[in-house]
Amino acid sequence: MLALLLTYWSVRIQSRLAADIALNASGEIFVEHETAKENFRCIYVWHAHSDNDKCIKNIMKDGSSYSEEMLYIEEVFFILKKAKSDRKIWGSGYAKEIEYWANDVSADPTGIFSYQLVVENPKDFEREMKDAGVSIDRVRLCRNYRKIWTILARNGANPDPLVKC
């Protein structure tokens, strides 16, 4: 029985370490993307040299910039959710270590994170936020979503019909 328990805990610890290593590798890739492109950095709060309107204008300037940014944001939410999930499954501390990132997403100075949450999860965006450890109050989230939707529509991007938020 002792051997069985030791084997179980050994496998569990190895699985947790493998999950942490995978998330860490993904995090390194994100840092590379963020340092390579200003659009990936400007969606976060900076306490100097911030220009949220310019940031959104650059993201919305063409379909390529927009889709690249949205793919980046999808991956941000994936990693944040995966870290929380691994915490529940394996007892990983990674979610706690990257809590600052979820807080940065929650600040959402441009509104692009809010827009992505509502567009990708129109019926359950609040659960998606919770699963990622992100906290944007509903009023601000909906206001941000409508702001980005309006910018897209004004620029002729033909966004999906406006979701009731």
N, C-alpha and C. Protein backbone atom coordinates (compact mmCIF):
# COMPACT_ATOMS: atom_id res chain seq x y z
N MET A 1 0.82 -1.19 0.00
CA MET A 1 0.00 0.00 0.00
C MET A 1 0.87 1.26 0.00
N LEU A 2 1.94 1.26 0.79
CA LEU A 2 2.85 2.39 0.85
C LEU A 2 3.48 2.64 -0.52
N ALA A 3 3.88 1.56 -1.18
CA ALA A 3 4.47 1.69 -2.51
C ALA A 3 3.48 2.32 -3.49
N LEU A 4 2.24 1.94 -3.40
CA LEU A 4 1.21 2.49 -4.27
C LEU A 4 1.02 3.99 -4.02
N LEU A 5 0.99 4.38 -2.75
CA LEU A 5 0.85 5.80 -2.41
C LEU A 5 2.06 6.60 -2.87
N LEU A 6 3.26 6.06 -2.68
CA LEU A 6 4.47 6.75 -3.13
C LEU A 6 4.49 6.92 -4.65
N THR A 7 4.05 5.90 -5.34
CA THR A 7 3.98 5.97 -6.80
C THR A 7 2.98 7.04 -7.23
N TYR A 8 1.81 7.05 -6.60
CA TYR A 8 0.78 8.03 -6.91
C TYR A 8 1.32 9.45 -6.72
N TRP A 9 1.93 9.71 -5.56
CA TRP A 9 2.44 11.06 -5.28
C TRP A 9 3.59 11.42 -6.20
N SER A 10 4.39 10.47 -6.55
CA SER A 10 5.49 10.73 -7.48
C SER A 10 4.95 11.15 -8.85
N VAL A 11 3.97 10.42 -9.33
CA VAL A 11 3.35 10.75 -10.63
C VAL A 11 2.67 12.11 -10.55
N ARG A 12 1.99 12.36 -9.45
CA ARG A 12 1.30 13.64 -9.28
C ARG A 12 2.29 14.81 -9.26
N ILE A 13 3.38 14.68 -8.56
CA ILE A 13 4.39 15.74 -8.50
C ILE A 13 5.02 15.94 -9.87
N GLN A 14 5.32 14.86 -10.56
CA GLN A 14 5.90 14.98 -11.90
C GLN A 14 4.92 15.66 -12.86
N SER A 15 3.65 15.34 -12.74
CA SER A 15 2.64 15.97 -13.60
C SER A 15 2.53 17.46 -13.31
N ARG A 16 2.57 17.82 -12.04
CA ARG A 16 2.50 19.24 -11.67
C ARG A 16 3.71 19.98 -12.21
N LEU A 17 4.89 19.39 -12.07
CA LEU A 17 6.10 20.03 -12.58
C LEU A 17 6.06 20.17 -14.11
N ALA A 18 5.57 19.15 -14.78
CA ALA A 18 5.44 19.22 -16.25
C ALA A 18 4.47 20.32 -16.65
N ALA A 19 3.37 20.46 -15.92
CA ALA A 19 2.39 21.51 -16.21
C ALA A 19 3.00 22.89 -15.98
N ASP A 20 3.75 23.05 -14.89
CA ASP A 20 4.40 24.33 -14.61
C ASP A 20 5.43 24.67 -15.68
N ILE A 21 6.20 23.69 -16.10
CA ILE A 21 7.22 23.91 -17.13
C ILE A 21 6.56 24.33 -18.44
N ALA A 22 5.46 23.68 -18.80
CA ALA A 22 4.75 24.02 -20.04
C ALA A 22 4.21 25.45 -19.98
N LEU A 23 3.63 25.84 -18.86
CA LEU A 23 3.12 27.21 -18.73
C LEU A 23 4.25 28.22 -18.74
N ASN A 24 5.35 27.89 -18.13
CA ASN A 24 6.50 28.78 -18.12
C ASN A 24 7.04 28.97 -19.54
N ALA A 25 7.10 27.91 -20.31
CA ALA A 25 7.57 28.00 -21.70
C ALA A 25 6.62 28.90 -22.51
N SER A 26 5.32 28.73 -22.30
CA SER A 26 4.35 29.59 -22.98
C SER A 26 4.54 31.05 -22.57
N GLY A 27 4.78 31.28 -21.30
CA GLY A 27 5.01 32.63 -20.81
C GLY A 27 6.22 33.28 -21.46
N GLU A 28 7.26 32.51 -21.67
CA GLU A 28 8.46 33.04 -22.33
C GLU A 28 8.15 33.45 -23.76
N ILE A 29 7.32 32.68 -24.44
CA ILE A 29 6.92 33.02 -25.80
C ILE A 29 6.14 34.33 -25.81
N PHE A 30 5.28 34.52 -24.81
CA PHE A 30 4.52 35.77 -24.71
C PHE A 30 5.44 36.96 -24.53
N VAL A 31 6.45 36.82 -23.71
CA VAL A 31 7.39 37.92 -23.49
C VAL A 31 8.09 38.26 -24.81
N GLU A 32 8.45 37.25 -25.59
CA GLU A 32 9.08 37.51 -26.88
C GLU A 32 8.14 38.28 -27.80
N HIS A 33 6.86 37.88 -27.85
CA HIS A 33 5.89 38.59 -28.68
C HIS A 33 5.72 40.03 -28.19
N GLU A 34 5.60 40.19 -26.90
CA GLU A 34 5.37 41.52 -26.35
C GLU A 34 6.54 42.46 -26.60
N THR A 35 7.75 41.95 -26.58
CA THR A 35 8.90 42.82 -26.84
C THR A 35 9.07 43.08 -28.33
N ALA A 36 8.51 42.23 -29.18
CA ALA A 36 8.66 42.40 -30.62
C ALA A 36 7.64 43.38 -31.20
N LYS A 37 6.47 43.50 -30.59
CA LYS A 37 5.40 44.32 -31.16
C LYS A 37 4.81 45.26 -30.12
N GLU A 38 4.75 46.53 -30.48
CA GLU A 38 4.19 47.51 -29.56
C GLU A 38 2.72 47.25 -29.28
N ASN A 39 1.96 46.76 -30.28
CA ASN A 39 0.53 46.52 -30.07
C ASN A 39 0.27 45.51 -28.96
N PHE A 40 1.19 44.59 -28.74
CA PHE A 40 0.99 43.61 -27.68
C PHE A 40 1.27 44.23 -26.31
N ARG A 41 2.07 45.25 -26.27
CA ARG A 41 2.38 45.90 -25.00
C ARG A 41 1.39 47.00 -24.66
N CYS A 42 0.91 47.71 -25.66
CA CYS A 42 0.12 48.91 -25.39
C CYS A 42 -1.27 48.60 -24.83
N ILE A 43 -1.69 47.36 -24.84
CA ILE A 43 -3.02 47.03 -24.30
C ILE A 43 -3.02 46.92 -22.78
N TYR A 44 -1.83 47.06 -22.19
CA TYR A 44 -1.71 47.03 -20.73
C TYR A 44 -1.47 48.44 -20.20
N VAL A 45 -1.67 48.62 -18.89
CA VAL A 45 -1.42 49.91 -18.25
C VAL A 45 0.08 50.12 -18.12
N TRP A 46 0.52 51.28 -18.55
CA TRP A 46 1.90 51.72 -18.32
C TRP A 46 1.77 53.04 -17.58
N HIS A 47 2.62 53.26 -16.65
CA HIS A 47 2.48 54.45 -15.81
C HIS A 47 3.24 55.64 -16.40
N ALA A 48 3.60 55.53 -17.65
CA ALA A 48 4.19 56.61 -18.43
C ALA A 48 4.11 56.19 -19.90
N HIS A 49 4.07 57.13 -20.77
CA HIS A 49 4.05 56.87 -22.22
C HIS A 49 2.87 56.01 -22.66
N SER A 50 1.74 56.15 -22.01
CA SER A 50 0.54 55.42 -22.42
C SER A 50 -0.31 56.30 -23.33
N ASP A 51 -0.81 55.70 -24.39
CA ASP A 51 -1.73 56.40 -25.29
C ASP A 51 -2.74 55.36 -25.79
N ASN A 52 -3.79 55.16 -25.00
CA ASN A 52 -4.77 54.11 -25.30
C ASN A 52 -5.46 54.31 -26.63
N ASP A 53 -5.77 55.57 -26.98
CA ASP A 53 -6.44 55.83 -28.26
C ASP A 53 -5.53 55.47 -29.44
N LYS A 54 -4.27 55.83 -29.35
CA LYS A 54 -3.31 55.48 -30.41
C LYS A 54 -3.16 53.96 -30.51
N CYS A 55 -3.13 53.31 -29.37
CA CYS A 55 -3.00 51.85 -29.33
C CYS A 55 -4.15 51.19 -30.08
N ILE A 56 -5.37 51.56 -29.75
CA ILE A 56 -6.54 50.98 -30.41
C ILE A 56 -6.53 51.30 -31.90
N LYS A 57 -6.16 52.53 -32.23
CA LYS A 57 -6.11 52.93 -33.65
C LYS A 57 -5.13 52.04 -34.41
N ASN A 58 -3.96 51.75 -33.82
CA ASN A 58 -2.97 50.89 -34.47
C ASN A 58 -3.48 49.45 -34.62
N ILE A 59 -4.18 48.97 -33.61
CA ILE A 59 -4.72 47.60 -33.67
C ILE A 59 -5.81 47.50 -34.72
N MET A 60 -6.64 48.52 -34.81
CA MET A 60 -7.79 48.49 -35.71
C MET A 60 -7.46 48.93 -37.14
N LYS A 61 -6.21 49.31 -37.41
CA LYS A 61 -5.89 49.90 -38.71
C LYS A 61 -6.10 48.95 -39.89
N ASP A 62 -5.95 47.65 -39.64
CA ASP A 62 -6.20 46.69 -40.71
C ASP A 62 -6.54 45.33 -40.11
N GLY A 63 -7.07 44.46 -40.95
CA GLY A 63 -7.50 43.14 -40.49
C GLY A 63 -6.36 42.30 -39.95
N SER A 64 -5.17 42.48 -40.49
CA SER A 64 -4.02 41.70 -40.04
C SER A 64 -3.63 42.06 -38.61
N SER A 65 -3.53 43.36 -38.33
CA SER A 65 -3.18 43.81 -36.97
C SER A 65 -4.25 43.37 -35.97
N TYR A 66 -5.50 43.53 -36.39
CA TYR A 66 -6.61 43.16 -35.52
C TYR A 66 -6.59 41.66 -35.20
N SER A 67 -6.49 40.83 -36.22
CA SER A 67 -6.53 39.38 -35.99
C SER A 67 -5.32 38.91 -35.19
N GLU A 68 -4.17 39.50 -35.42
CA GLU A 68 -2.98 39.14 -34.65
C GLU A 68 -3.18 39.47 -33.17
N GLU A 69 -3.76 40.63 -32.91
CA GLU A 69 -4.01 41.03 -31.52
C GLU A 69 -5.03 40.12 -30.85
N MET A 70 -6.09 39.79 -31.58
CA MET A 70 -7.13 38.96 -30.99
C MET A 70 -6.62 37.54 -30.71
N LEU A 71 -5.77 37.03 -31.59
CA LEU A 71 -5.16 35.72 -31.32
C LEU A 71 -4.29 35.78 -30.07
N TYR A 72 -3.55 36.87 -29.92
CA TYR A 72 -2.73 37.05 -28.73
C TYR A 72 -3.61 37.04 -27.48
N ILE A 73 -4.72 37.79 -27.52
CA ILE A 73 -5.61 37.88 -26.36
C ILE A 73 -6.25 36.53 -26.05
N GLU A 74 -6.63 35.78 -27.08
CA GLU A 74 -7.17 34.43 -26.84
C GLU A 74 -6.15 33.58 -26.08
N GLU A 75 -4.90 33.68 -26.48
CA GLU A 75 -3.85 32.89 -25.81
C GLU A 75 -3.60 33.36 -24.39
N VAL A 76 -3.72 34.66 -24.16
CA VAL A 76 -3.59 35.18 -22.79
C VAL A 76 -4.64 34.53 -21.90
N PHE A 77 -5.89 34.54 -22.36
CA PHE A 77 -6.96 33.93 -21.57
C PHE A 77 -6.73 32.42 -21.41
N PHE A 78 -6.23 31.77 -22.45
CA PHE A 78 -5.96 30.33 -22.35
C PHE A 78 -4.94 30.05 -21.25
N ILE A 79 -3.85 30.79 -21.23
CA ILE A 79 -2.80 30.55 -20.23
C ILE A 79 -3.31 30.86 -18.83
N LEU A 80 -4.03 31.97 -18.68
CA LEU A 80 -4.56 32.30 -17.35
C LEU A 80 -5.52 31.22 -16.85
N LYS A 81 -6.38 30.72 -17.75
CA LYS A 81 -7.32 29.66 -17.36
C LYS A 81 -6.58 28.36 -17.08
N LYS A 82 -5.60 28.03 -17.88
CA LYS A 82 -4.83 26.80 -17.70
C LYS A 82 -4.10 26.82 -16.36
N ALA A 83 -3.54 27.97 -16.02
CA ALA A 83 -2.83 28.09 -14.73
C ALA A 83 -3.79 27.85 -13.56
N LYS A 84 -4.99 28.42 -13.64
CA LYS A 84 -5.97 28.19 -12.56
C LYS A 84 -6.43 26.74 -12.53
N SER A 85 -6.63 26.16 -13.70
CA SER A 85 -7.04 24.76 -13.78
C SER A 85 -5.96 23.83 -13.20
N ASP A 86 -4.71 24.10 -13.55
CA ASP A 86 -3.60 23.28 -13.02
C ASP A 86 -3.48 23.42 -11.50
N ARG A 87 -3.87 24.58 -11.00
CA ARG A 87 -3.85 24.77 -9.55
C ARG A 87 -4.84 23.82 -8.88
N LYS A 88 -6.03 23.71 -9.48
CA LYS A 88 -7.06 22.83 -8.92
C LYS A 88 -6.67 21.36 -9.08
N ILE A 89 -6.13 21.01 -10.24
CA ILE A 89 -5.83 19.60 -10.53
C ILE A 89 -4.57 19.13 -9.81
N TRP A 90 -3.48 19.91 -9.94
CA TRP A 90 -2.17 19.45 -9.47
C TRP A 90 -1.66 20.18 -8.23
N GLY A 91 -2.33 21.24 -7.82
CA GLY A 91 -1.83 22.02 -6.70
C GLY A 91 -0.72 22.97 -7.13
N SER A 92 -0.67 23.27 -8.42
CA SER A 92 0.36 24.15 -8.96
C SER A 92 0.23 25.56 -8.39
N GLY A 93 1.34 26.18 -8.13
CA GLY A 93 1.35 27.56 -7.64
C GLY A 93 1.51 28.58 -8.75
N TYR A 94 1.50 28.12 -9.99
CA TYR A 94 1.77 29.00 -11.13
C TYR A 94 0.72 30.11 -11.23
N ALA A 95 -0.54 29.79 -11.00
CA ALA A 95 -1.61 30.80 -11.09
C ALA A 95 -1.35 31.94 -10.11
N LYS A 96 -0.87 31.61 -8.94
CA LYS A 96 -0.57 32.64 -7.94
C LYS A 96 0.61 33.50 -8.41
N GLU A 97 1.59 32.85 -9.03
CA GLU A 97 2.77 33.56 -9.49
C GLU A 97 2.46 34.53 -10.63
N ILE A 98 1.44 34.23 -11.43
CA ILE A 98 1.11 35.13 -12.54
C ILE A 98 -0.18 35.91 -12.28
N GLU A 99 -0.54 36.01 -11.03
CA GLU A 99 -1.73 36.78 -10.66
C GLU A 99 -1.60 38.23 -11.12
N TYR A 100 -0.38 38.77 -11.12
CA TYR A 100 -0.16 40.12 -11.59
C TYR A 100 -0.63 40.29 -13.03
N TRP A 101 -0.49 39.24 -13.84
CA TRP A 101 -0.88 39.29 -15.24
C TRP A 101 -2.41 39.37 -15.35
N ALA A 102 -3.10 38.55 -14.55
CA ALA A 102 -4.57 38.62 -14.53
C ALA A 102 -5.03 40.00 -14.07
N ASN A 103 -4.30 40.59 -13.14
CA ASN A 103 -4.63 41.95 -12.68
C ASN A 103 -4.40 42.97 -13.81
N ASP A 104 -3.32 42.79 -14.57
CA ASP A 104 -3.06 43.68 -15.71
C ASP A 104 -4.16 43.56 -16.75
N VAL A 105 -4.62 42.34 -17.01
CA VAL A 105 -5.72 42.13 -17.96
C VAL A 105 -6.98 42.80 -17.41
N SER A 106 -7.22 42.67 -16.12
CA SER A 106 -8.40 43.26 -15.48
C SER A 106 -8.43 44.78 -15.62
N ALA A 107 -7.27 45.41 -15.66
CA ALA A 107 -7.22 46.87 -15.81
C ALA A 107 -7.77 47.28 -17.17
N ASP A 108 -7.50 46.52 -18.20
CA ASP A 108 -8.05 46.69 -19.56
C ASP A 108 -8.20 48.15 -19.98
N PRO A 109 -7.10 48.89 -20.07
CA PRO A 109 -7.20 50.32 -20.37
C PRO A 109 -7.72 50.65 -21.77
N THR A 110 -7.57 49.74 -22.70
CA THR A 110 -8.04 50.01 -24.07
C THR A 110 -9.44 49.46 -24.32
N GLY A 111 -9.87 48.46 -23.54
CA GLY A 111 -11.16 47.83 -23.73
C GLY A 111 -11.10 46.58 -24.59
N ILE A 112 -9.94 46.26 -25.13
CA ILE A 112 -9.82 45.14 -26.07
C ILE A 112 -10.01 43.79 -25.39
N PHE A 113 -9.58 43.66 -24.13
CA PHE A 113 -9.81 42.40 -23.41
C PHE A 113 -11.31 42.19 -23.17
N SER A 114 -11.99 43.26 -22.79
CA SER A 114 -13.44 43.18 -22.58
C SER A 114 -14.14 42.77 -23.88
N TYR A 115 -13.73 43.40 -24.96
CA TYR A 115 -14.35 43.08 -26.25
C TYR A 115 -14.18 41.60 -26.58
N GLN A 116 -12.98 41.09 -26.40
CA GLN A 116 -12.71 39.68 -26.70
C GLN A 116 -13.55 38.76 -25.81
N LEU A 117 -13.67 39.10 -24.54
CA LEU A 117 -14.47 38.28 -23.63
C LEU A 117 -15.91 38.17 -24.09
N VAL A 118 -16.51 39.29 -24.46
CA VAL A 118 -17.92 39.29 -24.85
C VAL A 118 -18.11 38.63 -26.21
N VAL A 119 -17.24 38.94 -27.16
CA VAL A 119 -17.38 38.37 -28.51
C VAL A 119 -17.23 36.86 -28.50
N GLU A 120 -16.26 36.36 -27.77
CA GLU A 120 -15.99 34.93 -27.76
C GLU A 120 -16.94 34.15 -26.85
N ASN A 121 -17.54 34.82 -25.89
CA ASN A 121 -18.41 34.16 -24.91
C ASN A 121 -19.63 35.01 -24.63
N PRO A 122 -20.45 35.28 -25.65
CA PRO A 122 -21.56 36.23 -25.45
C PRO A 122 -22.56 35.80 -24.38
N LYS A 123 -22.71 34.52 -24.15
CA LYS A 123 -23.69 34.06 -23.16
C LYS A 123 -23.08 33.82 -21.78
N ASP A 124 -21.76 33.71 -21.70
CA ASP A 124 -21.14 33.38 -20.41
C ASP A 124 -19.77 34.03 -20.23
N PHE A 125 -19.65 35.30 -20.57
CA PHE A 125 -18.37 35.98 -20.45
C PHE A 125 -17.92 36.14 -19.01
N GLU A 126 -18.88 36.20 -18.08
CA GLU A 126 -18.50 36.34 -16.67
C GLU A 126 -17.82 35.07 -16.15
N ARG A 127 -18.29 33.91 -16.60
CA ARG A 127 -17.64 32.65 -16.20
C ARG A 127 -16.23 32.57 -16.79
N GLU A 128 -16.10 32.98 -18.04
CA GLU A 128 -14.79 32.98 -18.69
C GLU A 128 -13.81 33.86 -17.91
N MET A 129 -14.28 35.03 -17.48
CA MET A 129 -13.44 35.91 -16.66
C MET A 129 -13.02 35.23 -15.38
N LYS A 130 -13.98 34.64 -14.70
CA LYS A 130 -13.71 33.96 -13.43
C LYS A 130 -12.70 32.83 -13.63
N ASP A 131 -12.90 32.04 -14.70
CA ASP A 131 -11.99 30.92 -14.97
C ASP A 131 -10.56 31.38 -15.23
N ALA A 132 -10.42 32.61 -15.70
CA ALA A 132 -9.09 33.15 -15.99
C ALA A 132 -8.53 33.95 -14.81
N GLY A 133 -9.34 34.18 -13.79
CA GLY A 133 -8.87 34.97 -12.66
C GLY A 133 -8.87 36.46 -12.96
N VAL A 134 -9.65 36.86 -13.95
CA VAL A 134 -9.75 38.26 -14.37
C VAL A 134 -11.00 38.86 -13.75
N SER A 135 -10.92 40.13 -13.38
CA SER A 135 -12.06 40.78 -12.74
C SER A 135 -12.27 42.17 -13.34
N ILE A 136 -13.23 42.25 -14.25
CA ILE A 136 -13.62 43.54 -14.83
C ILE A 136 -15.10 43.69 -14.48
N ASP A 137 -15.44 44.78 -13.78
CA ASP A 137 -16.85 44.90 -13.40
C ASP A 137 -17.71 44.98 -14.65
N ARG A 138 -18.91 44.45 -14.54
CA ARG A 138 -19.80 44.27 -15.69
C ARG A 138 -20.09 45.59 -16.42
N VAL A 139 -20.30 46.66 -15.69
CA VAL A 139 -20.60 47.94 -16.33
C VAL A 139 -19.43 48.38 -17.21
N ARG A 140 -18.23 48.32 -16.66
CA ARG A 140 -17.04 48.73 -17.43
C ARG A 140 -16.79 47.77 -18.58
N LEU A 141 -16.96 46.47 -18.35
CA LEU A 141 -16.76 45.47 -19.39
C LEU A 141 -17.69 45.74 -20.57
N CYS A 142 -18.96 45.97 -20.29
CA CYS A 142 -19.94 46.22 -21.36
C CYS A 142 -19.67 47.54 -22.06
N ARG A 143 -19.28 48.55 -21.31
CA ARG A 143 -18.93 49.85 -21.91
C ARG A 143 -17.72 49.69 -22.83
N ASN A 144 -16.70 48.96 -22.35
CA ASN A 144 -15.51 48.72 -23.18
C ASN A 144 -15.85 47.94 -24.44
N TYR A 145 -16.68 46.91 -24.28
CA TYR A 145 -17.10 46.10 -25.43
C TYR A 145 -17.77 46.97 -26.48
N ARG A 146 -18.73 47.81 -26.05
CA ARG A 146 -19.45 48.67 -27.00
C ARG A 146 -18.51 49.69 -27.65
N LYS A 147 -17.54 50.18 -26.89
CA LYS A 147 -16.58 51.15 -27.43
C LYS A 147 -15.79 50.52 -28.58
N ILE A 148 -15.26 49.33 -28.36
CA ILE A 148 -14.46 48.67 -29.40
C ILE A 148 -15.35 48.28 -30.58
N TRP A 149 -16.57 47.79 -30.30
CA TRP A 149 -17.49 47.42 -31.37
C TRP A 149 -17.77 48.64 -32.25
N THR A 150 -17.99 49.79 -31.62
CA THR A 150 -18.27 51.02 -32.36
C THR A 150 -17.08 51.44 -33.23
N ILE A 151 -15.89 51.34 -32.68
CA ILE A 151 -14.69 51.67 -33.46
C ILE A 151 -14.57 50.75 -34.67
N LEU A 152 -14.80 49.47 -34.47
CA LEU A 152 -14.74 48.52 -35.59
C LEU A 152 -15.79 48.87 -36.65
N ALA A 153 -17.01 49.12 -36.21
CA ALA A 153 -18.09 49.44 -37.15
C ALA A 153 -17.79 50.74 -37.90
N ARG A 154 -17.29 51.73 -37.19
CA ARG A 154 -16.96 53.02 -37.80
C ARG A 154 -15.86 52.87 -38.85
N ASN A 155 -14.95 51.93 -38.60
CA ASN A 155 -13.83 51.72 -39.53
C ASN A 155 -14.18 50.74 -40.64
N GLY A 156 -15.45 50.34 -40.72
CA GLY A 156 -15.89 49.46 -41.80
C GLY A 156 -15.46 48.02 -41.65
N ALA A 157 -15.22 47.58 -40.41
CA ALA A 157 -14.73 46.22 -40.18
C ALA A 157 -15.83 45.16 -40.17
N ASN A 158 -17.09 45.58 -40.15
CA ASN A 158 -18.22 44.65 -40.15
C ASN A 158 -18.18 43.65 -38.99
N PRO A 159 -18.21 44.16 -37.74
CA PRO A 159 -18.18 43.25 -36.58
C PRO A 159 -19.49 42.46 -36.49
N ASP A 160 -19.45 41.38 -35.72
CA ASP A 160 -20.67 40.60 -35.46
C ASP A 160 -21.72 41.54 -34.87
N PRO A 161 -23.00 41.16 -34.99
CA PRO A 161 -24.05 42.02 -34.40
C PRO A 161 -23.75 42.31 -32.93
N LEU A 162 -24.11 43.49 -32.52
CA LEU A 162 -23.89 43.93 -31.14
C LEU A 162 -24.60 42.98 -30.19
N VAL A 163 -23.85 42.49 -29.21
CA VAL A 163 -24.37 41.57 -28.21
C VAL A 163 -24.99 42.39 -27.09
N LYS A 164 -26.13 41.94 -26.59
CA LYS A 164 -26.71 42.59 -25.41
C LYS A 164 -25.85 42.22 -24.21
N CYS A 165 -25.30 43.21 -23.61
CA CYS A 165 -24.34 42.99 -22.53
C CYS A 165 -24.90 43.59 -21.25
